[in-house]
Amino acid sequence: MYETSRGAKVRDMRWTNCQVFALWQVCILSAILLLSGRGLAQLSTASPSAAVRDSSGAVVPSAKVVLRSVATAVENTTKSNGLGTYLFDR
């Protein structure tokens, strides 16, 4: 009878260990699947801004500034303000 009881305990421990291992696998897989979407959600947009200056370092107001995408050849234009700064909105 001792052998049967011990065998049952070992079998129960193995089953419990398998269940715990399976639960950990499910948790890790769920975390990977949930967090992988965050990497794909990154945006590839920007709002560049700076100041237009001439060769002496003075700001250039009302200068035409062109932003061109090398990949798509799309151009956006804006003008610098009175302080020589410009901003391209998204």
PDB file of N, CA and C in Angstrom:
ATOM      1  N   MET A   1       0.817  -1.187   0.000  1.00  0.00           N
ATOM      2  CA  MET A   1       0.000   0.000   0.000  1.00  0.00           C
ATOM      3  C   MET A   1       0.863   1.255   0.000  1.00  0.00           C
ATOM      4  N   TYR A   2       1.999   1.225   0.664  1.00  0.00           N
ATOM      5  CA  TYR A   2       2.895   2.377   0.698  1.00  0.00           C
ATOM      6  C   TYR A   2       3.370   2.733  -0.700  1.00  0.00           C
ATOM      7  N   GLU A   3       3.697   1.725  -1.494  1.00  0.00           N
ATOM      8  CA  GLU A   3       4.204   1.951  -2.842  1.00  0.00           C
ATOM      9  C   GLU A   3       3.136   2.628  -3.712  1.00  0.00           C
ATOM     10  N   THR A   4       1.905   2.194  -3.575  1.00  0.00           N
ATOM     11  CA  THR A   4       0.826   2.771  -4.366  1.00  0.00           C
ATOM     12  C   THR A   4       0.588   4.224  -3.977  1.00  0.00           C
ATOM     13  N   SER A   5       0.606   4.508  -2.697  1.00  0.00           N
ATOM     14  CA  SER A   5       0.395   5.873  -2.235  1.00  0.00           C
ATOM     15  C   SER A   5       1.529   6.786  -2.694  1.00  0.00           C
ATOM     16  N   ARG A   6       2.759   6.287  -2.603  1.00  0.00           N
ATOM     17  CA  ARG A   6       3.916   7.074  -3.046  1.00  0.00           C
ATOM     18  C   ARG A   6       3.863   7.292  -4.555  1.00  0.00           C
ATOM     19  N   GLY A   7       3.504   6.259  -5.297  1.00  0.00           N
ATOM     20  CA  GLY A   7       3.388   6.383  -6.752  1.00  0.00           C
ATOM     21  C   GLY A   7       2.325   7.394  -7.149  1.00  0.00           C
ATOM     22  N   ALA A   8       1.240   7.412  -6.414  1.00  0.00           N
ATOM     23  CA  ALA A   8       0.169   8.370  -6.704  1.00  0.00           C
ATOM     24  C   ALA A   8       0.632   9.797  -6.419  1.00  0.00           C
ATOM     25  N   LYS A   9       1.403   9.970  -5.346  1.00  0.00           N
ATOM     26  CA  LYS A   9       1.912  11.304  -5.021  1.00  0.00           C
ATOM     27  C   LYS A   9       2.881  11.794  -6.095  1.00  0.00           C
ATOM     28  N   VAL A  10       3.750  10.892  -6.546  1.00  0.00           N
ATOM     29  CA  VAL A  10       4.705  11.260  -7.599  1.00  0.00           C
ATOM     30  C   VAL A  10       3.958  11.621  -8.873  1.00  0.00           C
ATOM     31  N   ARG A  11       2.947  10.819  -9.208  1.00  0.00           N
ATOM     32  CA  ARG A  11       2.154  11.082 -10.407  1.00  0.00           C
ATOM     33  C   ARG A  11       1.432  12.426 -10.285  1.00  0.00           C
ATOM     34  N   ASP A  12       0.884  12.713  -9.103  1.00  0.00           N
ATOM     35  CA  ASP A  12       0.210  13.997  -8.882  1.00  0.00           C
ATOM     36  C   ASP A  12       1.189  15.164  -8.982  1.00  0.00           C
ATOM     37  N   MET A  13       2.402  14.991  -8.446  1.00  0.00           N
ATOM     38  CA  MET A  13       3.409  16.051  -8.529  1.00  0.00           C
ATOM     39  C   MET A  13       3.811  16.304  -9.974  1.00  0.00           C
ATOM     40  N   ARG A  14       3.970  15.225 -10.745  1.00  0.00           N
ATOM     41  CA  ARG A  14       4.331  15.390 -12.163  1.00  0.00           C
ATOM     42  C   ARG A  14       3.225  16.124 -12.907  1.00  0.00           C
ATOM     43  N   TRP A  15       1.972  15.755 -12.628  1.00  0.00           N
ATOM     44  CA  TRP A  15       0.842  16.400 -13.291  1.00  0.00           C
ATOM     45  C   TRP A  15       0.784  17.882 -12.926  1.00  0.00           C
ATOM     46  N   THR A  16       1.008  18.198 -11.656  1.00  0.00           N
ATOM     47  CA  THR A  16       1.011  19.588 -11.206  1.00  0.00           C
ATOM     48  C   THR A  16       2.142  20.360 -11.875  1.00  0.00           C
ATOM     49  N   ASN A  17       3.323  19.746 -11.960  1.00  0.00           N
ATOM     50  CA  ASN A  17       4.450  20.403 -12.625  1.00  0.00           C
ATOM     51  C   ASN A  17       4.146  20.654 -14.096  1.00  0.00           C
ATOM     52  N   CYS A  18       3.501  19.714 -14.755  1.00  0.00           N
ATOM     53  CA  CYS A  18       3.126  19.902 -16.167  1.00  0.00           C
ATOM     54  C   CYS A  18       2.129  21.046 -16.315  1.00  0.00           C
ATOM     55  N   GLN A  19       1.179  21.118 -15.387  1.00  0.00           N
ATOM     56  CA  GLN A  19       0.191  22.195 -15.447  1.00  0.00           C
ATOM     57  C   GLN A  19       0.847  23.557 -15.235  1.00  0.00           C
ATOM     58  N   VAL A  20       1.758  23.643 -14.287  1.00  0.00           N
ATOM     59  CA  VAL A  20       2.452  24.906 -14.021  1.00  0.00           C
ATOM     60  C   VAL A  20       3.285  25.303 -15.234  1.00  0.00           C
ATOM     61  N   PHE A  21       3.984  24.340 -15.822  1.00  0.00           N
ATOM     62  CA  PHE A  21       4.800  24.614 -17.004  1.00  0.00           C
ATOM     63  C   PHE A  21       3.928  25.091 -18.165  1.00  0.00           C
ATOM     64  N   ALA A  22       2.788  24.443 -18.372  1.00  0.00           N
ATOM     65  CA  ALA A  22       1.879  24.846 -19.449  1.00  0.00           C
ATOM     66  C   ALA A  22       1.326  26.246 -19.193  1.00  0.00           C
ATOM     67  N   LEU A  23       1.036  26.553 -17.943  1.00  0.00           N
ATOM     68  CA  LEU A  23       0.528  27.884 -17.604  1.00  0.00           C
ATOM     69  C   LEU A  23       1.580  28.952 -17.887  1.00  0.00           C
ATOM     70  N   TRP A  24       2.836  28.673 -17.549  1.00  0.00           N
ATOM     71  CA  TRP A  24       3.921  29.610 -17.850  1.00  0.00           C
ATOM     72  C   TRP A  24       4.069  29.807 -19.352  1.00  0.00           C
ATOM     73  N   GLN A  25       3.959  28.737 -20.114  1.00  0.00           N
ATOM     74  CA  GLN A  25       4.059  28.858 -21.573  1.00  0.00           C
ATOM     75  C   GLN A  25       2.951  29.745 -22.122  1.00  0.00           C
ATOM     76  N   VAL A  26       1.744  29.566 -21.626  1.00  0.00           N
ATOM     77  CA  VAL A  26       0.617  30.385 -22.081  1.00  0.00           C
ATOM     78  C   VAL A  26       0.846  31.852 -21.716  1.00  0.00           C
ATOM     79  N   CYS A  27       1.341  32.110 -20.511  1.00  0.00           N
ATOM     80  CA  CYS A  27       1.602  33.493 -20.090  1.00  0.00           C
ATOM     81  C   CYS A  27       2.674  34.150 -20.950  1.00  0.00           C
ATOM     82  N   ILE A  28       3.743  33.437 -21.207  1.00  0.00           N
ATOM     83  CA  ILE A  28       4.834  33.997 -22.014  1.00  0.00           C
ATOM     84  C   ILE A  28       4.375  34.233 -23.445  1.00  0.00           C
ATOM     85  N   LEU A  29       3.664  33.280 -24.015  1.00  0.00           N
ATOM     86  CA  LEU A  29       3.166  33.446 -25.383  1.00  0.00           C
ATOM     87  C   LEU A  29       2.190  34.616 -25.472  1.00  0.00           C
ATOM     88  N   SER A  30       1.323  34.756 -24.483  1.00  0.00           N
ATOM     89  CA  SER A  30       0.379  35.881 -24.472  1.00  0.00           C
ATOM     90  C   SER A  30       1.111  37.213 -24.387  1.00  0.00           C
ATOM     91  N   ALA A  31       2.134  37.276 -23.553  1.00  0.00           N
ATOM     92  CA  ALA A  31       2.906  38.516 -23.427  1.00  0.00           C
ATOM     93  C   ALA A  31       3.596  38.860 -24.735  1.00  0.00           C
ATOM     94  N   ILE A  32       4.155  37.864 -25.397  1.00  0.00           N
ATOM     95  CA  ILE A  32       4.824  38.104 -26.682  1.00  0.00           C
ATOM     96  C   ILE A  32       3.825  38.620 -27.708  1.00  0.00           C
ATOM     97  N   LEU A  33       2.671  37.998 -27.779  1.00  0.00           N
ATOM     98  CA  LEU A  33       1.667  38.419 -28.760  1.00  0.00           C
ATOM     99  C   LEU A  33       1.122  39.811 -28.458  1.00  0.00           C
ATOM    100  N   LEU A  34       0.903  40.118 -27.196  1.00  0.00           N
ATOM    101  CA  LEU A  34       0.366  41.430 -26.842  1.00  0.00           C
ATOM    102  C   LEU A  34       1.385  42.541 -27.048  1.00  0.00           C
ATOM    103  N   LEU A  35       2.636  42.287 -26.739  1.00  0.00           N
ATOM    104  CA  LEU A  35       3.650  43.331 -26.839  1.00  0.00           C
ATOM    105  C   LEU A  35       4.205  43.485 -28.246  1.00  0.00           C
ATOM    106  N   SER A  36       4.053  42.481 -29.096  1.00  0.00           N
ATOM    107  CA  SER A  36       4.587  42.601 -30.453  1.00  0.00           C
ATOM    108  C   SER A  36       3.819  43.636 -31.269  1.00  0.00           C
ATOM    109  N   GLY A  37       2.571  43.866 -30.964  1.00  0.00           N
ATOM    110  CA  GLY A  37       1.785  44.869 -31.672  1.00  0.00           C
ATOM    111  C   GLY A  37       2.277  46.280 -31.423  1.00  0.00           C
ATOM    112  N   ARG A  38       2.880  46.516 -30.287  1.00  0.00           N
ATOM    113  CA  ARG A  38       3.394  47.853 -29.978  1.00  0.00           C
ATOM    114  C   ARG A  38       4.519  48.243 -30.915  1.00  0.00           C
ATOM    115  N   GLY A  39       5.331  47.315 -31.321  1.00  0.00           N
ATOM    116  CA  GLY A  39       6.420  47.611 -32.253  1.00  0.00           C
ATOM    117  C   GLY A  39       5.903  47.994 -33.622  1.00  0.00           C
ATOM    118  N   LEU A  40       4.781  47.426 -34.010  1.00  0.00           N
ATOM    119  CA  LEU A  40       4.205  47.734 -35.314  1.00  0.00           C
ATOM    120  C   LEU A  40       3.422  49.040 -35.299  1.00  0.00           C
ATOM    121  N   ALA A  41       3.120  49.553 -34.129  1.00  0.00           N
ATOM    122  CA  ALA A  41       2.307  50.762 -34.031  1.00  0.00           C
ATOM    123  C   ALA A  41       3.123  52.045 -34.089  1.00  0.00           C
ATOM    124  N   GLN A  42       4.393  51.950 -34.310  1.00  0.00           N
ATOM    125  CA  GLN A  42       5.225  53.147 -34.357  1.00  0.00           C
ATOM    126  C   GLN A  42       4.908  53.964 -35.610  1.00  0.00           C
ATOM    127  N   LEU A  43       4.875  55.258 -35.463  1.00  0.00           N
ATOM    128  CA  LEU A  43       4.591  56.153 -36.578  1.00  0.00           C
ATOM    129  C   LEU A  43       5.882  56.600 -37.238  1.00  0.00           C
ATOM    130  N   SER A  44       5.812  56.819 -38.528  1.00  0.00           N
ATOM    131  CA  SER A  44       6.995  57.303 -39.242  1.00  0.00           C
ATOM    132  C   SER A  44       6.744  58.727 -39.737  1.00  0.00           C
ATOM    133  N   THR A  45       6.284  59.582 -38.839  1.00  0.00           N
ATOM    134  CA  THR A  45       6.037  60.979 -39.184  1.00  0.00           C
ATOM    135  C   THR A  45       6.864  61.878 -38.276  1.00  0.00           C
ATOM    136  N   ALA A  46       7.040  63.097 -38.710  1.00  0.00           N
ATOM    137  CA  ALA A  46       7.800  64.068 -37.927  1.00  0.00           C
ATOM    138  C   ALA A  46       7.291  65.464 -38.243  1.00  0.00           C
ATOM    139  N   SER A  47       7.657  66.410 -37.415  1.00  0.00           N
ATOM    140  CA  SER A  47       7.347  67.822 -37.636  1.00  0.00           C
ATOM    141  C   SER A  47       8.652  68.606 -37.572  1.00  0.00           C
ATOM    142  N   PRO A  48       9.408  68.626 -38.677  1.00  0.00           N
ATOM    143  CA  PRO A  48      10.703  69.315 -38.656  1.00  0.00           C
ATOM    144  C   PRO A  48      10.548  70.822 -38.471  1.00  0.00           C
ATOM    145  N   SER A  49      11.471  71.393 -37.716  1.00  0.00           N
ATOM    146  CA  SER A  49      11.497  72.844 -37.536  1.00  0.00           C
ATOM    147  C   SER A  49      12.941  73.277 -37.338  1.00  0.00           C
ATOM    148  N   ALA A  50      13.230  74.494 -37.711  1.00  0.00           N
ATOM    149  CA  ALA A  50      14.579  75.052 -37.566  1.00  0.00           C
ATOM    150  C   ALA A  50      14.511  76.536 -37.889  1.00  0.00           C
ATOM    151  N   ALA A  51      15.666  77.146 -38.042  1.00  0.00           N
ATOM    152  CA  ALA A  51      15.746  78.558 -38.427  1.00  0.00           C
ATOM    153  C   ALA A  51      16.563  78.665 -39.702  1.00  0.00           C
ATOM    154  N   VAL A  52      16.129  79.548 -40.593  1.00  0.00           N
ATOM    155  CA  VAL A  52      16.861  79.791 -41.839  1.00  0.00           C
ATOM    156  C   VAL A  52      17.848  80.922 -41.576  1.00  0.00           C
ATOM    157  N   ARG A  53      19.112  80.668 -41.892  1.00  0.00           N
ATOM    158  CA  ARG A  53      20.165  81.675 -41.680  1.00  0.00           C
ATOM    159  C   ARG A  53      20.991  81.828 -42.950  1.00  0.00           C
ATOM    160  N   ASP A  54      21.503  83.030 -43.145  1.00  0.00           N
ATOM    161  CA  ASP A  54      22.390  83.259 -44.295  1.00  0.00           C
ATOM    162  C   ASP A  54      23.830  82.934 -43.896  1.00  0.00           C
ATOM    163  N   SER A  55      24.766  83.195 -44.797  1.00  0.00           N
ATOM    164  CA  SER A  55      26.170  82.832 -44.553  1.00  0.00           C
ATOM    165  C   SER A  55      26.799  83.602 -43.394  1.00  0.00           C
ATOM    166  N   SER A  56      26.242  84.765 -43.061  1.00  0.00           N
ATOM    167  CA  SER A  56      26.785  85.531 -41.932  1.00  0.00           C
ATOM    168  C   SER A  56      26.149  85.113 -40.605  1.00  0.00           C
ATOM    169  N   GLY A  57      25.135  84.249 -40.653  1.00  0.00           N
ATOM    170  CA  GLY A  57      24.473  83.788 -39.432  1.00  0.00           C
ATOM    171  C   GLY A  57      23.213  84.546 -39.096  1.00  0.00           C
ATOM    172  N   ALA A  58      22.849  85.536 -39.906  1.00  0.00           N
ATOM    173  CA  ALA A  58      21.626  86.306 -39.656  1.00  0.00           C
ATOM    174  C   ALA A  58      20.413  85.498 -40.115  1.00  0.00           C
ATOM    175  N   VAL A  59      19.295  85.660 -39.398  1.00  0.00           N
ATOM    176  CA  VAL A  59      18.077  84.944 -39.784  1.00  0.00           C
ATOM    177  C   VAL A  59      17.505  85.531 -41.063  1.00  0.00           C
ATOM    178  N   VAL A  60      16.813  84.673 -41.826  1.00  0.00           N
ATOM    179  CA  VAL A  60      16.212  85.100 -43.092  1.00  0.00           C
ATOM    180  C   VAL A  60      14.693  84.979 -42.954  1.00  0.00           C
ATOM    181  N   PRO A  61      13.987  86.119 -42.777  1.00  0.00           N
ATOM    182  CA  PRO A  61      12.529  86.058 -42.688  1.00  0.00           C
ATOM    183  C   PRO A  61      11.901  85.836 -44.059  1.00  0.00           C
ATOM    184  N   SER A  62      10.741  85.214 -44.072  1.00  0.00           N
ATOM    185  CA  SER A  62       9.946  84.956 -45.287  1.00  0.00           C
ATOM    186  C   SER A  62      10.700  84.134 -46.331  1.00  0.00           C
ATOM    187  N   ALA A  63      11.585  83.263 -45.904  1.00  0.00           N
ATOM    188  CA  ALA A  63      12.306  82.398 -46.846  1.00  0.00           C
ATOM    189  C   ALA A  63      11.432  81.194 -47.184  1.00  0.00           C
ATOM    190  N   LYS A  64      11.442  80.798 -48.448  1.00  0.00           N
ATOM    191  CA  LYS A  64      10.697  79.613 -48.877  1.00  0.00           C
ATOM    192  C   LYS A  64      11.525  78.375 -48.509  1.00  0.00           C
ATOM    193  N   VAL A  65      10.885  77.446 -47.793  1.00  0.00           N
ATOM    194  CA  VAL A  65      11.557  76.217 -47.367  1.00  0.00           C
ATOM    195  C   VAL A  65      10.807  75.041 -47.972  1.00  0.00           C
ATOM    196  N   VAL A  66      11.539  74.142 -48.629  1.00  0.00           N
ATOM    197  CA  VAL A  66      10.933  72.981 -49.287  1.00  0.00           C
ATOM    198  C   VAL A  66      11.427  71.715 -48.597  1.00  0.00           C
ATOM    199  N   LEU A  67      10.486  70.851 -48.258  1.00  0.00           N
ATOM    200  CA  LEU A  67      10.789  69.549 -47.671  1.00  0.00           C
ATOM    201  C   LEU A  67      10.381  68.493 -48.684  1.00  0.00           C
ATOM    202  N   ARG A  68      11.345  67.684 -49.130  1.00  0.00           N
ATOM    203  CA  ARG A  68      11.078  66.702 -50.184  1.00  0.00           C
ATOM    204  C   ARG A  68      11.376  65.301 -49.658  1.00  0.00           C
ATOM    205  N   SER A  69      10.445  64.383 -49.870  1.00  0.00           N
ATOM    206  CA  SER A  69      10.649  62.983 -49.507  1.00  0.00           C
ATOM    207  C   SER A  69      11.412  62.291 -50.623  1.00  0.00           C
ATOM    208  N   VAL A  70      12.546  61.715 -50.291  1.00  0.00           N
ATOM    209  CA  VAL A  70      13.342  61.007 -51.295  1.00  0.00           C
ATOM    210  C   VAL A  70      12.608  59.752 -51.756  1.00  0.00           C
ATOM    211  N   ALA A  71      11.912  59.092 -50.849  1.00  0.00           N
ATOM    212  CA  ALA A  71      11.233  57.837 -51.173  1.00  0.00           C
ATOM    213  C   ALA A  71      10.037  58.042 -52.092  1.00  0.00           C
ATOM    214  N   THR A  72       9.259  59.113 -51.874  1.00  0.00           N
ATOM    215  CA  THR A  72       8.023  59.300 -52.645  1.00  0.00           C
ATOM    216  C   THR A  72       8.048  60.512 -53.561  1.00  0.00           C
ATOM    217  N   ALA A  73       9.059  61.345 -53.459  1.00  0.00           N
ATOM    218  CA  ALA A  73       9.195  62.578 -54.249  1.00  0.00           C
ATOM    219  C   ALA A  73       8.082  63.586 -53.958  1.00  0.00           C
ATOM    220  N   VAL A  74       7.418  63.458 -52.830  1.00  0.00           N
ATOM    221  CA  VAL A  74       6.382  64.406 -52.420  1.00  0.00           C
ATOM    222  C   VAL A  74       7.067  65.612 -51.786  1.00  0.00           C
ATOM    223  N   GLU A  75       6.598  66.811 -52.153  1.00  0.00           N
ATOM    224  CA  GLU A  75       7.179  68.046 -51.631  1.00  0.00           C
ATOM    225  C   GLU A  75       6.165  68.797 -50.782  1.00  0.00           C
ATOM    226  N   ASN A  76       6.643  69.358 -49.685  1.00  0.00           N
ATOM    227  CA  ASN A  76       5.856  70.265 -48.851  1.00  0.00           C
ATOM    228  C   ASN A  76       6.617  71.578 -48.766  1.00  0.00           C
ATOM    229  N   THR A  77       5.887  72.684 -48.847  1.00  0.00           N
ATOM    230  CA  THR A  77       6.530  74.004 -48.783  1.00  0.00           C
ATOM    231  C   THR A  77       5.944  74.820 -47.648  1.00  0.00           C
ATOM    232  N   THR A  78       6.787  75.659 -47.093  1.00  0.00           N
ATOM    233  CA  THR A  78       6.358  76.605 -46.067  1.00  0.00           C
ATOM    234  C   THR A  78       7.269  77.815 -46.139  1.00  0.00           C
ATOM    235  N   LYS A  79       6.945  78.847 -45.372  1.00  0.00           N
ATOM    236  CA  LYS A  79       7.782  80.055 -45.311  1.00  0.00           C
ATOM    237  C   LYS A  79       8.228  80.263 -43.878  1.00  0.00           C
ATOM    238  N   SER A  80       9.425  80.787 -43.742  1.00  0.00           N
ATOM    239  CA  SER A  80       9.910  81.119 -42.401  1.00  0.00           C
ATOM    240  C   SER A  80       9.198  82.384 -41.920  1.00  0.00           C
ATOM    241  N   ASN A  81       9.061  82.495 -40.610  1.00  0.00           N
ATOM    242  CA  ASN A  81       8.388  83.672 -40.050  1.00  0.00           C
ATOM    243  C   ASN A  81       9.378  84.829 -39.896  1.00  0.00           C
ATOM    244  N   GLY A  82       8.979  85.866 -39.196  1.00  0.00           N
ATOM    245  CA  GLY A  82       9.827  87.048 -39.019  1.00  0.00           C
ATOM    246  C   GLY A  82      11.118  86.767 -38.261  1.00  0.00           C
ATOM    247  N   LEU A  83      11.142  85.693 -37.496  1.00  0.00           N
ATOM    248  CA  LEU A  83      12.354  85.321 -36.754  1.00  0.00           C
ATOM    249  C   LEU A  83      13.210  84.319 -37.527  1.00  0.00           C
ATOM    250  N   GLY A  84      12.764  83.979 -38.746  1.00  0.00           N
ATOM    251  CA  GLY A  84      13.512  83.038 -39.572  1.00  0.00           C
ATOM    252  C   GLY A  84      13.226  81.580 -39.279  1.00  0.00           C
ATOM    253  N   THR A  85      12.308  81.309 -38.366  1.00  0.00           N
ATOM    254  CA  THR A  85      12.003  79.912 -38.034  1.00  0.00           C
ATOM    255  C   THR A  85      10.840  79.404 -38.871  1.00  0.00           C
ATOM    256  N   TYR A  86      10.822  78.096 -39.054  1.00  0.00           N
ATOM    257  CA  TYR A  86       9.734  77.463 -39.805  1.00  0.00           C
ATOM    258  C   TYR A  86       9.363  76.165 -39.113  1.00  0.00           C
ATOM    259  N   LEU A  87       8.175  75.659 -39.453  1.00  0.00           N
ATOM    260  CA  LEU A  87       7.689  74.399 -38.902  1.00  0.00           C
ATOM    261  C   LEU A  87       6.833  73.719 -39.952  1.00  0.00           C
ATOM    262  N   PHE A  88       7.137  72.465 -40.237  1.00  0.00           N
ATOM    263  CA  PHE A  88       6.292  71.649 -41.104  1.00  0.00           C
ATOM    264  C   PHE A  88       5.379  70.833 -40.205  1.00  0.00           C
ATOM    265  N   ASP A  89       4.070  71.063 -40.336  1.00  0.00           N
ATOM    266  CA  ASP A  89       3.107  70.271 -39.562  1.00  0.00           C
ATOM    267  C   ASP A  89       2.914  68.929 -40.235  1.00  0.00           C
ATOM    268  N   ARG A  90       2.498  67.977 -39.425  1.00  0.00           N
ATOM    269  CA  ARG A  90       2.248  66.637 -39.970  1.00  0.00           C
ATOM    270  C   ARG A  90       1.094  66.645 -40.893  1.00  0.00           C
TER     271      ARG A  90
END
